[in-house]
Amino acid sequence: HASPLDRSACSLDGILDAGQRVERIIAYDEPSYGFVSIAVKALRRAGVLREGGDGSDHAQPTTTLSTHTGGGGGPRRGEGGCGPKVDSELLERLHRHLPPDADVALCGGLVHSHNPFLAPLSNAMQRSAAFGEALRLFVREHVCPALGVSRVVYQRRPTWRIHLAGAEPLGIPHADGLQPYNHQPAEMNVWVPLTAVSGSNSLTAESAPGAGDFHAFEATPGQFVSFYGNRCWHYAVANDTDTTRVSFDLRVVPFHLFDPQHCGPGNLGSALVRGSVGKLPPRPGAEGYHRGKPLRLGEYYLDSGPAEESAL
């Protein structure tokens, strides 16, 4: 169907070049970073995985030594798990660990309080030094090269998503650079699935601003998607598959293009009432202009550091 994006929002001259904005699926060595195993260990520690809840017996997690072969160099102790494949399959069956009286359909939508897995996972990842270090290396060794730069600012706390099999859509259709989110136009999205994704358990997006060629990303653990979610509309649909999707996403800006004074997000509820969702933010002084607090370096974003500092 047609993109809801106004053509006036498609002018991108002088921001990112076409090669940086193009949608790409990029491979990386997942065990070297251990995102899947870190997530499973966090859920185990939170006590939200019911033994035998998914109808299978899993070996107890073990701590393994992961040899990192990227630019960080040297071996690094992983968070441990049953191995990336087994751990990813456990995440795909996460809906089977719901309490017996839970209504899976309510685990989607704008309010995620009915999802018993999301808050424990998100909170654990915010505190996890292992995840923070793995993310820093991942950004330096894969995200920077994907954008053809040596340094970026990146989202300090990535957004975690758990789209349970049978759940309603997560969130609403949107583009991050339009109202009410108002992210700066040089920002790219990095979307990292920890489970196999396709069809309705994935994220749907258009390939270019205003293209309207909406398609679901298809990827597996060990792949991530780089796309221009700042102006490309994207959304999730109801997950009618039998597979849960666990993923995290972060936003990155090439360091030389970062604007520390860019006005930040407005209020989603107000934007829904005004009917301004998906429109370009008003210019300063115009009717409806709202100066949101800038998303600052050291708060929302971190500096990946120059490439020459990436070696440990």
C-alpha atoms as a PDB file:
ATOM      1  CA  HIS A   1       0.000   0.000   0.000  1.00  0.00           C
ATOM      2  CA  ALA A   2       1.039   3.632  -0.280  1.00  0.00           C
ATOM      3  CA  SER A   3       3.474   5.145   2.187  1.00  0.00           C
ATOM      4  CA  PRO A   4       1.837   7.613   4.607  1.00  0.00           C
ATOM      5  CA  LEU A   5       4.989   9.732   4.478  1.00  0.00           C
ATOM      6  CA  ASP A   6       4.568  13.231   3.066  1.00  0.00           C
ATOM      7  CA  ARG A   7       6.834  13.801   0.087  1.00  0.00           C
ATOM      8  CA  SER A   8       7.976  16.998   1.814  1.00  0.00           C
ATOM      9  CA  ALA A   9       9.612  14.757   4.392  1.00  0.00           C
ATOM     10  CA  CYS A  10      11.751  13.023   1.776  1.00  0.00           C
ATOM     11  CA  SER A  11      14.332  15.766   1.176  1.00  0.00           C
ATOM     12  CA  LEU A  12      17.556  14.325   2.556  1.00  0.00           C
ATOM     13  CA  ASP A  13      20.224  16.338   0.767  1.00  0.00           C
ATOM     14  CA  GLY A  14      23.351  16.929   2.818  1.00  0.00           C
ATOM     15  CA  ILE A  15      22.404  14.512   5.609  1.00  0.00           C
ATOM     16  CA  LEU A  16      23.371  10.916   4.786  1.00  0.00           C
ATOM     17  CA  ASP A  17      24.434   9.696   1.383  1.00  0.00           C
ATOM     18  CA  ALA A  18      22.372   7.140  -0.516  1.00  0.00           C
ATOM     19  CA  GLY A  19      24.807   4.337   0.285  1.00  0.00           C
ATOM     20  CA  GLN A  20      24.436   4.918   4.000  1.00  0.00           C
ATOM     21  CA  ARG A  21      20.637   5.069   3.861  1.00  0.00           C
ATOM     22  CA  VAL A  22      20.148   1.867   1.889  1.00  0.00           C
ATOM     23  CA  GLU A  23      18.519  -1.076   3.672  1.00  0.00           C
ATOM     24  CA  ARG A  24      20.960  -3.947   4.210  1.00  0.00           C
ATOM     25  CA  ILE A  25      21.100  -7.279   6.004  1.00  0.00           C
ATOM     26  CA  ILE A  26      24.601  -7.742   7.401  1.00  0.00           C
ATOM     27  CA  ALA A  27      26.157 -10.882   8.867  1.00  0.00           C
ATOM     28  CA  TYR A  28      28.222 -10.983  12.046  1.00  0.00           C
ATOM     29  CA  ASP A  29      29.607 -13.723  14.289  1.00  0.00           C
ATOM     30  CA  GLU A  30      26.947 -13.861  17.009  1.00  0.00           C
ATOM     31  CA  PRO A  31      28.841 -16.171  19.429  1.00  0.00           C
ATOM     32  CA  SER A  32      31.686 -13.634  19.569  1.00  0.00           C
ATOM     33  CA  TYR A  33      29.284 -11.149  21.169  1.00  0.00           C
ATOM     34  CA  GLY A  34      26.909 -13.563  22.919  1.00  0.00           C
ATOM     35  CA  PHE A  35      23.741 -11.475  22.696  1.00  0.00           C
ATOM     36  CA  VAL A  36      21.483 -14.548  22.577  1.00  0.00           C
ATOM     37  CA  SER A  37      23.086 -16.261  25.558  1.00  0.00           C
ATOM     38  CA  ILE A  38      23.195 -13.045  27.600  1.00  0.00           C
ATOM     39  CA  ALA A  39      19.440 -12.594  27.039  1.00  0.00           C
ATOM     40  CA  VAL A  40      18.617 -16.185  28.021  1.00  0.00           C
ATOM     41  CA  LYS A  41      20.726 -15.972  31.152  1.00  0.00           C
ATOM     42  CA  ALA A  42      18.965 -12.737  32.146  1.00  0.00           C
ATOM     43  CA  LEU A  43      15.546 -14.378  31.758  1.00  0.00           C
ATOM     44  CA  ARG A  44      16.681 -17.401  33.783  1.00  0.00           C
ATOM     45  CA  ARG A  45      17.945 -15.167  36.568  1.00  0.00           C
ATOM     46  CA  ALA A  46      14.643 -13.266  36.557  1.00  0.00           C
ATOM     47  CA  GLY A  47      12.808 -16.540  37.177  1.00  0.00           C
ATOM     48  CA  VAL A  48      10.348 -16.095  34.300  1.00  0.00           C
ATOM     49  CA  LEU A  49      11.243 -19.320  32.468  1.00  0.00           C
ATOM     50  CA  ARG A  50       9.103 -22.200  33.706  1.00  0.00           C
ATOM     51  CA  GLU A  51      10.973 -25.498  33.788  1.00  0.00           C
ATOM     52  CA  GLY A  52       9.497 -27.663  31.056  1.00  0.00           C
ATOM     53  CA  GLY A  53       7.212 -24.800  30.063  1.00  0.00           C
ATOM     54  CA  ASP A  54       8.150 -25.147  26.414  1.00  0.00           C
ATOM     55  CA  GLY A  55       7.735 -28.907  26.402  1.00  0.00           C
ATOM     56  CA  SER A  56      11.438 -29.679  26.200  1.00  0.00           C
ATOM     57  CA  ASP A  57      14.282 -30.369  28.576  1.00  0.00           C
ATOM     58  CA  HIS A  58      17.185 -27.971  28.333  1.00  0.00           C
ATOM     59  CA  ALA A  59      20.635 -28.522  29.690  1.00  0.00           C
ATOM     60  CA  GLN A  60      21.629 -26.186  32.498  1.00  0.00           C
ATOM     61  CA  PRO A  61      23.497 -23.108  31.291  1.00  0.00           C
ATOM     62  CA  THR A  62      27.240 -23.262  31.338  1.00  0.00           C
ATOM     63  CA  THR A  63      29.851 -20.542  31.264  1.00  0.00           C
ATOM     64  CA  THR A  64      31.928 -20.752  28.130  1.00  0.00           C
ATOM     65  CA  LEU A  65      35.012 -19.007  26.876  1.00  0.00           C
ATOM     66  CA  SER A  66      34.217 -17.171  23.655  1.00  0.00           C
ATOM     67  CA  THR A  67      37.177 -16.391  21.428  1.00  0.00           C
ATOM     68  CA  HIS A  68      36.599 -12.972  19.926  1.00  0.00           C
ATOM     69  CA  THR A  69      38.131 -12.589  16.482  1.00  0.00           C
ATOM     70  CA  GLY A  70      36.981  -9.085  15.604  1.00  0.00           C
ATOM     71  CA  GLY A  71      38.839  -5.817  16.010  1.00  0.00           C
ATOM     72  CA  GLY A  72      38.600  -6.104  19.811  1.00  0.00           C
ATOM     73  CA  GLY A  73      40.930  -9.106  19.673  1.00  0.00           C
ATOM     74  CA  GLY A  74      41.602 -11.752  22.286  1.00  0.00           C
ATOM     75  CA  PRO A  75      39.355 -14.176  24.142  1.00  0.00           C
ATOM     76  CA  ARG A  76      36.457 -12.843  26.159  1.00  0.00           C
ATOM     77  CA  ARG A  77      34.432 -14.725  28.797  1.00  0.00           C
ATOM     78  CA  GLY A  78      30.834 -15.037  27.704  1.00  0.00           C
ATOM     79  CA  GLU A  79      27.733 -14.887  29.844  1.00  0.00           C
ATOM     80  CA  GLY A  80      27.104 -18.558  29.257  1.00  0.00           C
ATOM     81  CA  GLY A  81      24.100 -20.531  28.091  1.00  0.00           C
ATOM     82  CA  CYS A  82      23.318 -23.796  26.325  1.00  0.00           C
ATOM     83  CA  GLY A  83      24.836 -22.618  23.045  1.00  0.00           C
ATOM     84  CA  PRO A  84      23.538 -20.000  20.606  1.00  0.00           C
ATOM     85  CA  LYS A  85      21.288 -22.351  18.615  1.00  0.00           C
ATOM     86  CA  VAL A  86      19.596 -23.932  21.642  1.00  0.00           C
ATOM     87  CA  ASP A  87      19.266 -20.578  23.395  1.00  0.00           C
ATOM     88  CA  SER A  88      17.736 -18.949  20.309  1.00  0.00           C
ATOM     89  CA  GLU A  89      15.238 -21.788  19.986  1.00  0.00           C
ATOM     90  CA  LEU A  90      14.297 -21.304  23.637  1.00  0.00           C
ATOM     91  CA  LEU A  91      13.576 -17.629  22.912  1.00  0.00           C
ATOM     92  CA  GLU A  92      11.422 -18.630  19.935  1.00  0.00           C
ATOM     93  CA  ARG A  93       9.285 -20.705  22.331  1.00  0.00           C
ATOM     94  CA  LEU A  94       9.087 -18.021  25.005  1.00  0.00           C
ATOM     95  CA  HIS A  95       5.292 -17.813  24.685  1.00  0.00           C
ATOM     96  CA  ARG A  96       5.085 -21.347  26.089  1.00  0.00           C
ATOM     97  CA  HIS A  97       6.513 -20.022  29.360  1.00  0.00           C
ATOM     98  CA  LEU A  98       3.578 -17.671  29.919  1.00  0.00           C
ATOM     99  CA  PRO A  99       1.629 -18.240  33.146  1.00  0.00           C
ATOM    100  CA  PRO A 100      -1.375 -20.493  32.511  1.00  0.00           C
ATOM    101  CA  ASP A 101      -3.880 -17.664  33.042  1.00  0.00           C
ATOM    102  CA  ALA A 102      -2.118 -15.160  30.755  1.00  0.00           C
ATOM    103  CA  ASP A 103      -3.838 -13.760  27.654  1.00  0.00           C
ATOM    104  CA  VAL A 104      -1.144 -13.711  24.978  1.00  0.00           C
ATOM    105  CA  ALA A 105      -3.106 -11.319  22.748  1.00  0.00           C
ATOM    106  CA  LEU A 106      -2.763  -8.603  25.405  1.00  0.00           C
ATOM    107  CA  CYS A 107       1.029  -8.832  25.310  1.00  0.00           C
ATOM    108  CA  GLY A 108       1.202  -6.540  22.256  1.00  0.00           C
ATOM    109  CA  GLY A 109      -0.104  -3.045  21.639  1.00  0.00           C
ATOM    110  CA  LEU A 110       1.228   0.235  23.029  1.00  0.00           C
ATOM    111  CA  VAL A 111       1.195  -0.921  26.653  1.00  0.00           C
ATOM    112  CA  HIS A 112       3.524  -3.828  27.364  1.00  0.00           C
ATOM    113  CA  SER A 113       2.670  -4.369  31.036  1.00  0.00           C
ATOM    114  CA  HIS A 114       0.959  -7.677  30.195  1.00  0.00           C
ATOM    115  CA  ASN A 115       4.200  -9.119  28.806  1.00  0.00           C
ATOM    116  CA  PRO A 116       5.905 -10.771  31.805  1.00  0.00           C
ATOM    117  CA  PHE A 117       9.241 -11.162  30.010  1.00  0.00           C
ATOM    118  CA  LEU A 118       9.937  -7.683  28.622  1.00  0.00           C
ATOM    119  CA  ALA A 119      10.579  -5.627  31.770  1.00  0.00           C
ATOM    120  CA  PRO A 120      12.862  -8.239  33.401  1.00  0.00           C
ATOM    121  CA  LEU A 121      14.892  -8.520  30.203  1.00  0.00           C
ATOM    122  CA  SER A 122      15.096  -4.777  29.532  1.00  0.00           C
ATOM    123  CA  ASN A 123      16.036  -3.994  33.128  1.00  0.00           C
ATOM    124  CA  ALA A 124      18.688  -6.697  33.228  1.00  0.00           C
ATOM    125  CA  MET A 125      20.251  -5.474  29.989  1.00  0.00           C
ATOM    126  CA  GLN A 126      20.456  -1.920  31.329  1.00  0.00           C
ATOM    127  CA  ARG A 127      22.541  -3.220  34.238  1.00  0.00           C
ATOM    128  CA  SER A 128      24.576  -5.811  32.326  1.00  0.00           C
ATOM    129  CA  ALA A 129      28.241  -4.886  31.935  1.00  0.00           C
ATOM    130  CA  ALA A 130      28.674  -7.889  29.622  1.00  0.00           C
ATOM    131  CA  PHE A 131      25.960  -6.665  27.272  1.00  0.00           C
ATOM    132  CA  GLY A 132      27.276  -3.101  27.364  1.00  0.00           C
ATOM    133  CA  GLU A 133      30.782  -4.207  26.412  1.00  0.00           C
ATOM    134  CA  ALA A 134      29.528  -6.588  23.708  1.00  0.00           C
ATOM    135  CA  LEU A 135      27.379  -3.799  22.261  1.00  0.00           C
ATOM    136  CA  ARG A 136      30.294  -1.349  22.231  1.00  0.00           C
ATOM    137  CA  LEU A 137      32.464  -3.786  20.291  1.00  0.00           C
ATOM    138  CA  PHE A 138      29.609  -4.705  17.956  1.00  0.00           C
ATOM    139  CA  VAL A 139      29.051  -1.042  17.087  1.00  0.00           C
ATOM    140  CA  ARG A 140      32.745  -0.425  16.429  1.00  0.00           C
ATOM    141  CA  GLU A 141      33.378  -3.602  14.482  1.00  0.00           C
ATOM    142  CA  HIS A 142      30.187  -3.887  12.419  1.00  0.00           C
ATOM    143  CA  VAL A 143      27.965  -0.815  12.586  1.00  0.00           C
ATOM    144  CA  CYS A 144      30.692   1.736  11.863  1.00  0.00           C
ATOM    145  CA  PRO A 145      31.992  -0.172   8.816  1.00  0.00           C
ATOM    146  CA  ALA A 146      28.421  -0.632   7.558  1.00  0.00           C
ATOM    147  CA  LEU A 147      28.036   3.144   7.489  1.00  0.00           C
ATOM    148  CA  GLY A 148      31.519   3.728   6.097  1.00  0.00           C
ATOM    149  CA  VAL A 149      32.633   5.761   9.119  1.00  0.00           C
ATOM    150  CA  SER A 150      35.124   5.239  11.918  1.00  0.00           C
ATOM    151  CA  ARG A 151      33.066   6.745  14.726  1.00  0.00           C
ATOM    152  CA  VAL A 152      29.386   7.070  15.674  1.00  0.00           C
ATOM    153  CA  VAL A 153      27.214   7.993  18.596  1.00  0.00           C
ATOM    154  CA  TYR A 154      24.881   5.140  19.460  1.00  0.00           C
ATOM    155  CA  GLN A 155      21.857   4.559  21.669  1.00  0.00           C
ATOM    156  CA  ARG A 156      23.116   3.883  25.162  1.00  0.00           C
ATOM    157  CA  ARG A 157      20.214   1.635  26.103  1.00  0.00           C
ATOM    158  CA  PRO A 158      18.891  -0.262  23.079  1.00  0.00           C
ATOM    159  CA  THR A 159      15.166  -0.915  22.917  1.00  0.00           C
ATOM    160  CA  TRP A 160      14.216  -4.540  23.540  1.00  0.00           C
ATOM    161  CA  ARG A 161      11.198  -6.135  21.858  1.00  0.00           C
ATOM    162  CA  ILE A 162       9.493  -9.419  22.639  1.00  0.00           C
ATOM    163  CA  HIS A 163       6.694 -10.137  20.160  1.00  0.00           C
ATOM    164  CA  LEU A 164       5.059 -13.282  21.467  1.00  0.00           C
ATOM    165  CA  ALA A 165       3.453 -15.747  19.094  1.00  0.00           C
ATOM    166  CA  GLY A 166      -0.247 -14.879  18.975  1.00  0.00           C
ATOM    167  CA  ALA A 167       0.192 -11.321  20.303  1.00  0.00           C
ATOM    168  CA  GLU A 168      -1.269  -8.137  18.863  1.00  0.00           C
ATOM    169  CA  PRO A 169       1.009  -5.677  16.985  1.00  0.00           C
ATOM    170  CA  LEU A 170       3.703  -3.867  18.944  1.00  0.00           C
ATOM    171  CA  GLY A 171       3.435  -0.074  18.807  1.00  0.00           C
ATOM    172  CA  ILE A 172       2.063   1.954  15.885  1.00  0.00           C
ATOM    173  CA  PRO A 173       3.305   2.654  12.332  1.00  0.00           C
ATOM    174  CA  HIS A 174       5.826   5.479  12.475  1.00  0.00           C
ATOM    175  CA  ALA A 175       9.112   6.923  11.268  1.00  0.00           C
ATOM    176  CA  ASP A 176      11.584   7.932  13.970  1.00  0.00           C
ATOM    177  CA  GLY A 177      12.412  11.353  12.518  1.00  0.00           C
ATOM    178  CA  LEU A 178       8.776  12.473  12.248  1.00  0.00           C
ATOM    179  CA  GLN A 179       6.333  13.516  14.944  1.00  0.00           C
ATOM    180  CA  PRO A 180       6.186  12.749  17.774  1.00  0.00           C
ATOM    181  CA  TYR A 181       9.628  11.089  17.969  1.00  0.00           C
ATOM    182  CA  ASN A 182      11.567  13.832  16.165  1.00  0.00           C
ATOM    183  CA  HIS A 183      14.930  12.073  16.015  1.00  0.00           C
ATOM    184  CA  GLN A 184      17.651  13.892  14.105  1.00  0.00           C
ATOM    185  CA  PRO A 185      17.764  13.215  10.336  1.00  0.00           C
ATOM    186  CA  ALA A 186      21.300  11.766  10.222  1.00  0.00           C
ATOM    187  CA  GLU A 187      20.249   8.840  12.407  1.00  0.00           C
ATOM    188  CA  MET A 188      20.137   5.225  11.193  1.00  0.00           C
ATOM    189  CA  ASN A 189      18.396   2.230  12.763  1.00  0.00           C
ATOM    190  CA  VAL A 190      20.180  -1.012  13.603  1.00  0.00           C
ATOM    191  CA  TRP A 191      17.774  -3.897  14.214  1.00  0.00           C
ATOM    192  CA  VAL A 192      19.199  -7.087  15.757  1.00  0.00           C
ATOM    193  CA  PRO A 193      16.960 -10.192  15.954  1.00  0.00           C
ATOM    194  CA  LEU A 194      17.973 -12.931  18.387  1.00  0.00           C
ATOM    195  CA  THR A 195      15.493 -15.371  16.835  1.00  0.00           C
ATOM    196  CA  ALA A 196      14.686 -16.312  13.255  1.00  0.00           C
ATOM    197  CA  VAL A 197      12.316 -13.696  11.814  1.00  0.00           C
ATOM    198  CA  SER A 198      10.062 -13.554   8.761  1.00  0.00           C
ATOM    199  CA  GLY A 199       6.477 -12.699   7.963  1.00  0.00           C
ATOM    200  CA  SER A 200       4.298 -11.485  10.808  1.00  0.00           C
ATOM    201  CA  ASN A 201       6.777 -12.112  13.634  1.00  0.00           C
ATOM    202  CA  SER A 202       9.210  -9.642  12.065  1.00  0.00           C
ATOM    203  CA  LEU A 203       9.363  -5.890  11.511  1.00  0.00           C
ATOM    204  CA  THR A 204       7.756  -4.467   8.358  1.00  0.00           C
ATOM    205  CA  ALA A 205       9.291  -1.440   6.633  1.00  0.00           C
ATOM    206  CA  GLU A 206       9.536   0.374   3.318  1.00  0.00           C
ATOM    207  CA  SER A 207      12.936   0.297   1.594  1.00  0.00           C
ATOM    208  CA  ALA A 208      13.215   4.062   1.037  1.00  0.00           C
ATOM    209  CA  PRO A 209      11.301   7.124   2.288  1.00  0.00           C
ATOM    210  CA  GLY A 210       7.963   7.283   0.500  1.00  0.00           C
ATOM    211  CA  ALA A 211       8.557   4.065  -1.491  1.00  0.00           C
ATOM    212  CA  GLY A 212       5.551   2.270  -0.003  1.00  0.00           C
ATOM    213  CA  ASP A 213       7.086  -1.148  -0.815  1.00  0.00           C
ATOM    214  CA  PHE A 214       6.418  -2.551   2.637  1.00  0.00           C
ATOM    215  CA  HIS A 215       8.046  -5.902   3.374  1.00  0.00           C
ATOM    216  CA  ALA A 216       8.951  -7.940   6.422  1.00  0.00           C
ATOM    217  CA  PHE A 217      12.630  -8.326   7.225  1.00  0.00           C
ATOM    218  CA  GLU A 218      13.928 -11.883   6.954  1.00  0.00           C
ATOM    219  CA  ALA A 219      16.959 -12.639   9.106  1.00  0.00           C
ATOM    220  CA  THR A 220      18.432 -15.116  11.576  1.00  0.00           C
ATOM    221  CA  PRO A 221      20.615 -14.749  14.675  1.00  0.00           C
ATOM    222  CA  GLY A 222      24.015 -13.627  13.408  1.00  0.00           C
ATOM    223  CA  GLN A 223      22.458 -11.049  11.064  1.00  0.00           C
ATOM    224  CA  PHE A 224      21.313  -7.483  11.657  1.00  0.00           C
ATOM    225  CA  VAL A 225      19.386  -5.005   9.541  1.00  0.00           C
ATOM    226  CA  SER A 226      20.609  -1.463   8.910  1.00  0.00           C
ATOM    227  CA  PHE A 227      17.813   0.756   7.590  1.00  0.00           C
ATOM    228  CA  TYR A 228      16.786   4.408   7.486  1.00  0.00           C
ATOM    229  CA  GLY A 229      13.969   4.200  10.004  1.00  0.00           C
ATOM    230  CA  ASN A 230      14.251   7.943  10.506  1.00  0.00           C
ATOM    231  CA  ARG A 231      12.180   8.570   7.370  1.00  0.00           C
ATOM    232  CA  CYS A 232      11.139   5.040   6.323  1.00  0.00           C
ATOM    233  CA  TRP A 233       7.850   4.037   7.879  1.00  0.00           C
ATOM    234  CA  HIS A 234       7.977   0.784   9.817  1.00  0.00           C
ATOM    235  CA  TYR A 235       5.677  -1.213  12.067  1.00  0.00           C
ATOM    236  CA  ALA A 236       4.816  -4.634  13.447  1.00  0.00           C
ATOM    237  CA  VAL A 237       1.657  -6.599  12.669  1.00  0.00           C
ATOM    238  CA  ALA A 238      -0.106  -9.192  14.796  1.00  0.00           C
ATOM    239  CA  ASN A 239       2.176 -12.195  15.197  1.00  0.00           C
ATOM    240  CA  ASP A 240       0.150 -15.055  13.723  1.00  0.00           C
ATOM    241  CA  THR A 241       3.151 -17.403  13.550  1.00  0.00           C
ATOM    242  CA  ASP A 242       4.036 -20.025  16.146  1.00  0.00           C
ATOM    243  CA  THR A 243       7.384 -18.336  16.818  1.00  0.00           C
ATOM    244  CA  THR A 244       8.143 -15.567  19.290  1.00  0.00           C
ATOM    245  CA  ARG A 245      10.477 -12.800  18.167  1.00  0.00           C
ATOM    246  CA  VAL A 246      13.091 -11.391  20.538  1.00  0.00           C
ATOM    247  CA  SER A 247      15.120  -8.482  19.198  1.00  0.00           C
ATOM    248  CA  PHE A 248      16.791  -5.254  20.184  1.00  0.00           C
ATOM    249  CA  ASP A 249      17.260  -2.101  18.177  1.00  0.00           C
ATOM    250  CA  LEU A 250      19.424   0.955  18.505  1.00  0.00           C
ATOM    251  CA  ARG A 251      19.849   4.252  16.728  1.00  0.00           C
ATOM    252  CA  VAL A 252      23.220   5.523  15.548  1.00  0.00           C
ATOM    253  CA  VAL A 253      24.485   8.796  14.073  1.00  0.00           C
ATOM    254  CA  PRO A 254      27.857   9.284  12.337  1.00  0.00           C
ATOM    255  CA  PHE A 255      29.875  11.311  14.814  1.00  0.00           C
ATOM    256  CA  HIS A 256      30.583  14.184  12.417  1.00  0.00           C
ATOM    257  CA  LEU A 257      26.850  14.599  11.700  1.00  0.00           C
ATOM    258  CA  PHE A 258      25.615  14.494  15.288  1.00  0.00           C
ATOM    259  CA  ASP A 259      23.653  17.589  16.334  1.00  0.00           C
ATOM    260  CA  PRO A 260      23.662  17.924  20.157  1.00  0.00           C
ATOM    261  CA  GLN A 261      21.006  20.664  20.031  1.00  0.00           C
ATOM    262  CA  HIS A 262      18.440  18.860  17.885  1.00  0.00           C
ATOM    263  CA  CYS A 263      15.016  19.073  19.558  1.00  0.00           C
ATOM    264  CA  GLY A 264      13.972  15.712  20.908  1.00  0.00           C
ATOM    265  CA  PRO A 265      10.723  13.750  21.165  1.00  0.00           C
ATOM    266  CA  GLY A 266       7.324  15.234  21.889  1.00  0.00           C
ATOM    267  CA  ASN A 267       4.376  13.528  23.528  1.00  0.00           C
ATOM    268  CA  LEU A 268       2.811  10.568  21.699  1.00  0.00           C
ATOM    269  CA  GLY A 269      -0.603  11.052  23.280  1.00  0.00           C
ATOM    270  CA  SER A 270      -0.737  14.707  22.260  1.00  0.00           C
ATOM    271  CA  ALA A 271       0.400  13.863  18.740  1.00  0.00           C
ATOM    272  CA  LEU A 272      -2.351  11.252  18.412  1.00  0.00           C
ATOM    273  CA  VAL A 273      -4.954  13.809  19.534  1.00  0.00           C
ATOM    274  CA  ARG A 274      -3.629  16.470  17.132  1.00  0.00           C
ATOM    275  CA  GLY A 275      -3.369  14.002  14.262  1.00  0.00           C
ATOM    276  CA  SER A 276       0.270  14.988  13.767  1.00  0.00           C
ATOM    277  CA  VAL A 277       1.833  11.515  13.940  1.00  0.00           C
ATOM    278  CA  GLY A 278       4.075  11.051  10.906  1.00  0.00           C
ATOM    279  CA  LYS A 279       4.354  14.700   9.991  1.00  0.00           C
ATOM    280  CA  LEU A 280       7.532  16.757   9.917  1.00  0.00           C
ATOM    281  CA  PRO A 281       8.143  18.624  13.181  1.00  0.00           C
ATOM    282  CA  PRO A 282       7.061  22.298  12.913  1.00  0.00           C
ATOM    283  CA  ARG A 283       9.841  24.826  12.506  1.00  0.00           C
ATOM    284  CA  PRO A 284      10.696  27.023  15.519  1.00  0.00           C
ATOM    285  CA  GLY A 285       8.045  29.682  15.972  1.00  0.00           C
ATOM    286  CA  ALA A 286       5.453  27.869  13.858  1.00  0.00           C
ATOM    287  CA  GLU A 287       2.072  26.796  15.214  1.00  0.00           C
ATOM    288  CA  GLY A 288       2.333  23.531  17.107  1.00  0.00           C
ATOM    289  CA  TYR A 289       6.097  23.872  17.612  1.00  0.00           C
ATOM    290  CA  HIS A 290       7.263  21.968  20.666  1.00  0.00           C
ATOM    291  CA  ARG A 291      10.841  22.070  21.845  1.00  0.00           C
ATOM    292  CA  GLY A 292      11.471  18.587  23.122  1.00  0.00           C
ATOM    293  CA  LYS A 293      14.526  17.977  25.250  1.00  0.00           C
ATOM    294  CA  PRO A 294      17.516  17.067  23.050  1.00  0.00           C
ATOM    295  CA  LEU A 295      18.685  13.450  23.199  1.00  0.00           C
ATOM    296  CA  ARG A 296      22.147  14.131  24.564  1.00  0.00           C
ATOM    297  CA  LEU A 297      25.508  12.425  24.359  1.00  0.00           C
ATOM    298  CA  GLY A 298      26.203  10.711  27.669  1.00  0.00           C
ATOM    299  CA  GLU A 299      22.491  10.336  28.387  1.00  0.00           C
ATOM    300  CA  TYR A 300      20.643   8.847  25.424  1.00  0.00           C
ATOM    301  CA  TYR A 301      23.733   8.313  23.242  1.00  0.00           C
ATOM    302  CA  LEU A 302      27.266   7.050  23.808  1.00  0.00           C
ATOM    303  CA  ASP A 303      30.363   7.829  21.766  1.00  0.00           C
ATOM    304  CA  SER A 304      31.810   4.714  20.105  1.00  0.00           C
ATOM    305  CA  GLY A 305      35.238   6.359  20.177  1.00  0.00           C
ATOM    306  CA  PRO A 306      37.719   6.628  17.315  1.00  0.00           C
ATOM    307  CA  ALA A 307      38.519   3.411  15.472  1.00  0.00           C
ATOM    308  CA  GLU A 308      42.113   3.377  16.689  1.00  0.00           C
ATOM    309  CA  GLU A 309      40.888   3.081  20.294  1.00  0.00           C
ATOM    310  CA  SER A 310      38.843  -0.083  19.616  1.00  0.00           C
ATOM    311  CA  ALA A 311      41.648  -2.530  20.401  1.00  0.00           C
ATOM    312  CA  LEU A 312      41.513  -3.870  23.977  1.00  0.00           C
END
